[in-house]
C-alpha cells in the first residue's frame, strides 16, 4: 500500500512539474529551465539526504544512478520543448509510452505477466497511433517533429524509470542525490554547449518585472516538484514491484493534460483526444493488471 501511495504522489508531482516546465520553456531557453530547476531540486534533495542521514550508493548502483541523471535531462529537455511547441493533450500521452520499458524489465526480473498486461500495452500503443494522426491540414513537418520529440522523451523516460528503479535498491535518498547531481552537471554541460555553439547568450526580450518573477518562480517550482516526485518514486520502487510502481507513476501525463486543459484551455482534434485517452487508459490498465 505504501508503494502505491508513493507512486501516486510521484505521478501528481511529475504532472505538475512537466506542465510548469513546458510553460516556462515557451518563454525561456530550455537549457536555462533545466539548469535552474535541477539546481533547485538538488538543494531540496541534499537537505533531505542530510536530514535522513543516508549515503550515496556504491559500485553498480552509483553508475545506474548517474546514468539515470543523464537520461532524466534528455527526457525533460525533449519533453519541455515538445510541450512548448505542441498541445499537452497530444505530447504528454505520447511521452508516457516510455512506461512500457520498465514494465518489460520488471517482467524479466520475475514480475508476473498476465493477459491484461498485454491488453494494456496494445491499448496504449493503439492510442499512440491515434494521437499521432494530424487530420486535415494540421500535419506537416511541425507536427511530425512534435510527435518525434514526445516519443523520444518517452524512450528516455522509460530508461530513466528503469535505472532509478534498479539503483534505488541501495537506498532511495542517496540514490536521488546521485541522480540529481548527475542531472545538474548534465544540464550545465548542455547550457555551456548551447552558449558556445551560438557564441552568445540569447537576447530575448525581457518580460515585465512581475511576469519575470512569476516565470522564475515557476522554474524553481519545476525543480522542487520534480525532486519530490523522484523521492517518492525511489521510495515506491524500493517498497514494491517495479512493474506496478513505474506504471502508476507513469500516469503523470494525465495530470499534465488536465492542467493544460483547465489553465491554458488547450484543445485537440477529437481523434487525437480519443487516442490520448486510450494511451492513458492502457497505462492504467497495465497498472491494474500488474498488481
Protein backbone atom coordinates (compact mmCIF):
# COMPACT_ATOMS: atom_id res chain seq x y z
CA UNK A 1 0.00 0.00 0.00
CA UNK A 2 2.86 2.38 0.84
CA UNK A 3 4.46 1.85 -2.56
CA UNK A 4 1.15 2.60 -4.31
CA UNK A 5 0.64 5.87 -2.40
CA UNK A 6 4.22 6.95 -3.08
CA UNK A 7 3.84 6.12 -6.77
CA UNK A 8 0.63 8.21 -6.95
CA UNK A 9 2.41 11.09 -5.20
CA UNK A 10 5.19 10.83 -7.78
CA UNK A 11 2.61 10.93 -10.58
CA UNK A 12 0.98 14.10 -9.24
CA UNK A 13 4.32 15.84 -8.67
CA UNK A 14 5.69 14.92 -12.10
CA UNK A 15 2.48 16.04 -13.78
CA UNK A 16 2.69 19.49 -12.19
CA UNK A 17 6.44 19.72 -12.86
CA UNK A 18 6.06 18.89 -16.57
CA UNK A 19 3.23 21.38 -17.00
CA UNK A 20 5.28 24.16 -15.42
CA UNK A 21 8.44 23.14 -17.32
CA UNK A 22 6.71 23.17 -20.69
CA UNK A 23 5.08 26.52 -19.92
CA UNK A 24 8.37 28.10 -18.82
CA UNK A 25 10.18 26.78 -21.91
CA UNK A 26 7.78 28.82 -24.02
CA UNK A 27 9.48 31.96 -22.65
CA UNK A 28 12.99 30.79 -21.71
CA UNK A 29 15.64 28.61 -23.42
CA UNK A 30 15.15 25.01 -22.36
CA UNK A 31 18.76 24.76 -21.13
CA UNK A 32 18.18 27.59 -18.66
CA UNK A 33 14.97 26.00 -17.42
CA UNK A 34 16.83 22.72 -16.90
CA UNK A 35 19.84 24.23 -15.10
CA UNK A 36 17.90 26.35 -12.61
CA UNK A 37 15.19 23.78 -11.95
CA UNK A 38 17.71 20.98 -11.43
CA UNK A 39 19.78 23.17 -9.10
CA UNK A 40 16.68 23.98 -7.03
CA UNK A 41 15.83 20.29 -6.84
CA UNK A 42 19.39 19.44 -5.86
CA UNK A 43 19.23 21.81 -2.89
CA UNK A 44 15.98 20.23 -1.68
CA UNK A 45 17.23 16.69 -2.08
CA UNK A 46 20.56 17.50 -0.39
CA UNK A 47 18.69 18.86 2.63
CA UNK A 48 16.54 15.73 2.69
CA UNK A 49 19.57 13.42 2.49
CA UNK A 50 21.38 15.29 5.27
CA UNK A 51 18.30 15.07 7.48
CA UNK A 52 17.83 11.39 6.65
CA UNK A 53 21.50 10.53 7.16
CA UNK A 54 21.71 8.42 4.02
CA UNK A 55 24.83 7.95 1.87
CA UNK A 56 25.39 7.85 -1.87
CA UNK A 57 25.16 4.41 -3.50
CA UNK A 58 28.30 2.49 -4.43
CA UNK A 59 29.52 0.41 -7.34
CA UNK A 60 26.93 -0.65 -9.88
CA UNK A 61 24.13 1.25 -8.15
CA UNK A 62 26.10 4.50 -8.33
CA UNK A 63 26.66 4.04 -12.06
CA UNK A 64 22.95 3.33 -12.54
CA UNK A 65 22.04 6.50 -10.62
CA UNK A 66 24.47 8.67 -12.58
CA UNK A 67 23.17 7.26 -15.87
CA UNK A 68 19.62 7.94 -14.70
CA UNK A 69 20.54 11.61 -14.22
CA UNK A 70 21.70 11.88 -17.83
CA UNK A 71 18.55 10.12 -19.06
CA UNK A 72 16.42 12.49 -16.96
CA UNK A 73 17.88 15.59 -18.61
CA UNK A 74 17.43 14.11 -22.07
CA UNK A 75 13.82 13.20 -21.27
CA UNK A 76 12.99 16.57 -19.70
CA UNK A 77 14.68 18.58 -22.44
CA UNK A 78 12.77 16.80 -25.20
CA UNK A 79 9.51 16.92 -23.26
CA UNK A 80 9.69 20.63 -22.37
CA UNK A 81 10.41 21.59 -25.98
CA UNK A 82 7.55 19.40 -27.20
CA UNK A 83 5.15 20.85 -24.62
CA UNK A 84 6.21 24.40 -25.52
CA UNK A 85 5.52 23.74 -29.23
CA UNK A 86 2.51 21.44 -29.13
CA UNK A 87 -0.64 20.70 -27.17
CA UNK A 88 -0.11 18.80 -23.93
CA UNK A 89 -3.08 16.55 -24.71
CA UNK A 90 -1.01 15.18 -27.62
CA UNK A 91 2.53 15.40 -26.22
CA UNK A 92 2.05 14.09 -22.68
CA UNK A 93 0.38 10.74 -23.54
CA UNK A 94 2.97 10.04 -26.25
CA UNK A 95 5.75 10.65 -23.75
CA UNK A 96 4.01 8.31 -21.28
CA UNK A 97 4.58 5.29 -23.51
CA UNK A 98 8.09 5.01 -22.07
CA UNK A 99 6.46 3.35 -19.05
CA UNK A 100 6.43 0.14 -21.09
CA UNK A 101 10.22 -0.12 -20.84
CA UNK A 102 10.47 -0.68 -17.05
CA UNK A 103 7.39 -2.90 -17.23
CA UNK A 104 9.26 -5.23 -19.57
CA UNK A 105 12.32 -5.05 -17.32
CA UNK A 106 10.12 -5.94 -14.35
CA UNK A 107 8.80 -8.97 -16.23
CA UNK A 108 12.36 -10.08 -17.00
CA UNK A 109 13.17 -9.84 -13.28
CA UNK A 110 10.25 -12.09 -12.36
CA UNK A 111 7.20 -9.84 -12.02
CA UNK A 112 4.01 -11.72 -13.08
CA UNK A 113 2.80 -11.43 -16.68
CA UNK A 114 -0.96 -11.50 -17.33
CA UNK A 115 -3.23 -11.18 -20.34
CA UNK A 116 -4.36 -7.79 -19.05
CA UNK A 117 -0.75 -6.58 -19.31
CA UNK A 118 -0.70 -7.40 -22.99
CA UNK A 119 -4.09 -5.71 -23.44
CA UNK A 120 -2.84 -2.59 -21.68
CA UNK A 121 0.23 -2.35 -23.89
CA UNK A 122 -1.88 -2.88 -27.02
CA UNK A 123 -4.38 -0.20 -25.99
CA UNK A 124 -1.62 2.25 -25.11
CA UNK A 125 0.12 1.90 -28.44
CA UNK A 126 -3.16 2.00 -30.38
CA UNK A 127 -3.73 5.27 -28.58
CA UNK A 128 -0.29 6.44 -29.69
CA UNK A 129 -1.22 5.85 -33.32
CA UNK A 130 -4.49 7.75 -32.97
CA UNK A 131 -2.86 10.59 -31.05
CA UNK A 132 -0.23 10.93 -33.77
CA UNK A 133 -2.82 11.48 -36.50
CA UNK A 134 -3.00 15.07 -37.77
CA UNK A 135 -6.33 15.39 -39.60
CA UNK A 136 -6.78 17.80 -42.48
CA UNK A 137 -4.10 20.46 -42.91
CA UNK A 138 -2.86 20.30 -39.33
CA UNK A 139 0.02 17.95 -40.06
CA UNK A 140 3.34 18.68 -41.72
CA UNK A 141 6.88 18.89 -40.51
CA UNK A 142 5.97 20.82 -37.35
CA UNK A 143 3.51 18.19 -36.17
CA UNK A 144 5.87 15.36 -37.04
CA UNK A 145 8.69 17.00 -35.08
CA UNK A 146 6.49 17.39 -32.00
CA UNK A 147 5.50 13.71 -32.18
CA UNK A 148 9.14 12.62 -32.54
CA UNK A 149 10.18 14.84 -29.62
CA UNK A 150 7.42 13.37 -27.44
CA UNK A 151 8.28 9.77 -28.35
CA UNK A 152 11.97 10.48 -27.76
CA UNK A 153 11.09 11.89 -24.35
CA UNK A 154 9.12 8.71 -23.65
CA UNK A 155 12.03 6.44 -24.54
CA UNK A 156 14.40 8.45 -22.35
CA UNK A 157 11.84 8.48 -19.53
CA UNK A 158 11.49 4.71 -19.72
CA UNK A 159 15.26 4.35 -19.44
CA UNK A 160 15.27 6.76 -16.51
CA UNK A 161 12.49 4.85 -14.72
CA UNK A 162 14.36 1.59 -15.20
CA UNK A 163 17.73 2.89 -14.00
CA UNK A 164 16.39 4.74 -10.96
CA UNK A 165 14.28 1.73 -10.02
CA UNK A 166 17.31 -0.55 -10.11
CA UNK A 167 19.61 1.90 -8.33
CA UNK A 168 17.12 2.69 -5.55
CA UNK A 169 17.54 -0.76 -4.02
CA UNK A 170 20.69 0.70 -2.46
CA UNK A 171 18.64 3.37 -0.63
CA UNK A 172 16.23 5.94 -2.04
CA UNK A 173 17.55 9.28 -0.66
CA UNK A 174 21.19 8.65 -1.56
CA UNK A 175 20.19 7.38 -4.98
CA UNK A 176 18.17 10.51 -5.74
CA UNK A 177 21.05 12.69 -4.58
CA UNK A 178 23.36 10.96 -7.06
CA UNK A 179 20.75 11.24 -9.82
CA UNK A 180 20.26 14.96 -9.18
CA UNK A 181 24.00 15.68 -9.07
CA UNK A 182 24.41 13.93 -12.41
CA UNK A 183 21.36 15.72 -13.86
CA UNK A 184 22.57 19.15 -12.72
CA UNK A 185 26.03 18.60 -14.19
CA UNK A 186 24.49 17.35 -17.45
CA UNK A 187 22.20 20.40 -17.63
CA UNK A 188 25.14 22.74 -17.03
CA UNK A 189 27.08 21.00 -19.78
CA UNK A 190 24.11 21.39 -22.14
CA UNK A 191 23.80 25.11 -21.32
CA UNK A 192 27.55 25.63 -21.85
CA UNK A 193 27.45 23.78 -25.16
CA UNK A 194 24.42 25.77 -26.35
CA UNK A 195 26.05 29.07 -25.37
CA UNK A 196 29.36 28.26 -27.05
CA UNK A 197 27.60 26.96 -30.14
CA UNK A 198 25.59 30.15 -30.54
CA UNK A 199 28.64 32.23 -29.46
CA UNK A 200 26.37 34.49 -27.47
CA UNK A 201 23.64 34.46 -24.84
CA UNK A 202 20.20 34.62 -26.49
CA UNK A 203 18.94 38.20 -26.45
CA UNK A 204 15.24 37.56 -25.98
CA UNK A 205 13.15 40.49 -24.81
CA UNK A 206 12.83 40.56 -21.04
CA UNK A 207 9.31 40.28 -19.69
CA UNK A 208 7.98 42.90 -17.22
CA UNK A 209 9.34 42.52 -13.69
CA UNK A 210 6.20 40.93 -12.17
CA UNK A 211 5.94 38.47 -15.07
CA UNK A 212 9.66 37.69 -14.84
CA UNK A 213 9.39 36.96 -11.12
CA UNK A 214 6.42 34.68 -11.75
CA UNK A 215 8.30 32.93 -14.56
CA UNK A 216 11.38 32.23 -12.45
CA UNK A 217 9.19 31.13 -9.54
CA UNK A 218 7.65 28.59 -11.94
CA UNK A 219 11.14 27.39 -12.94
CA UNK A 220 12.09 26.87 -9.29
CA UNK A 221 8.78 25.08 -8.70
CA UNK A 222 9.67 22.74 -11.59
CA UNK A 223 12.78 21.64 -9.69
CA UNK A 224 11.02 21.29 -6.34
CA UNK A 225 8.10 19.22 -7.66
CA UNK A 226 10.44 17.10 -9.78
CA UNK A 227 12.59 16.39 -6.73
CA UNK A 228 9.55 15.44 -4.65
CA UNK A 229 8.49 13.08 -7.43
CA UNK A 230 11.92 11.47 -7.56
CA UNK A 231 11.98 10.91 -3.81
CA UNK A 232 8.50 9.39 -3.92
CA UNK A 233 9.30 7.18 -6.92
CA UNK A 234 12.55 5.88 -5.48
CA UNK A 235 10.81 5.02 -2.23
CA UNK A 236 7.98 3.31 -4.09
CA UNK A 237 10.44 1.33 -6.24
CA UNK A 238 12.26 0.07 -3.17
CA UNK A 239 8.99 -0.99 -1.47
CA UNK A 240 7.03 -2.58 -4.34
CA UNK A 241 7.13 -4.28 -7.74
CA UNK A 242 8.91 -2.20 -10.38
CA UNK A 243 6.24 -3.03 -12.99
CA UNK A 244 3.41 -1.70 -10.77
CA UNK A 245 5.23 1.32 -9.40
CA UNK A 246 6.58 2.51 -12.74
CA UNK A 247 3.17 2.37 -14.42
CA UNK A 248 1.35 4.15 -11.59
CA UNK A 249 3.99 6.86 -11.54
CA UNK A 250 3.90 6.90 -15.33
CA UNK A 251 0.28 8.08 -15.30
CA UNK A 252 1.55 11.63 -14.62
CA UNK A 253 0.68 12.79 -18.19
CA UNK A 254 -3.00 12.74 -17.18
CA UNK A 255 -2.21 15.44 -14.61
CA UNK A 256 -0.30 17.49 -17.20
CA UNK A 257 -3.18 17.19 -19.67
CA UNK A 258 -5.79 18.23 -17.10
CA UNK A 259 -3.74 21.29 -16.14
CA UNK A 260 -3.26 22.26 -19.80
CA UNK A 261 -6.98 21.95 -20.49
CA UNK A 262 -8.05 23.77 -17.30
CA UNK A 263 -5.40 26.52 -17.23
CA UNK A 264 -4.34 27.02 -20.86
CA UNK A 265 -7.67 25.96 -22.45
CA UNK A 266 -5.84 23.66 -24.87
CA UNK A 267 -7.88 21.54 -27.25
CA UNK A 268 -7.13 18.86 -29.85
CA UNK A 269 -8.92 17.11 -32.71
CA UNK A 270 -11.47 14.53 -31.47
CA UNK A 271 -9.44 11.66 -32.96
CA UNK A 272 -6.37 12.80 -31.04
CA UNK A 273 -8.38 13.25 -27.86
CA UNK A 274 -9.67 9.69 -28.11
CA UNK A 275 -6.13 8.46 -28.81
CA UNK A 276 -4.74 10.33 -25.80
CA UNK A 277 -7.44 8.86 -23.57
CA UNK A 278 -6.70 5.40 -24.94
CA UNK A 279 -2.99 5.78 -24.26
CA UNK A 280 -3.53 6.80 -20.65
CA UNK A 281 -6.19 4.11 -20.19
CA UNK A 282 -3.76 1.48 -21.48
CA UNK A 283 -1.14 2.61 -18.98
CA UNK A 284 -3.63 2.46 -16.12
CA UNK A 285 -4.77 -0.98 -17.32
CA UNK A 286 -1.16 -2.11 -17.10
CA UNK A 287 -1.06 -0.89 -13.51
CA UNK A 288 -4.27 -2.72 -12.61
CA UNK A 289 -3.05 -5.93 -14.25
CA UNK A 290 0.37 -5.83 -12.60
CA UNK A 291 -0.88 -5.63 -9.04
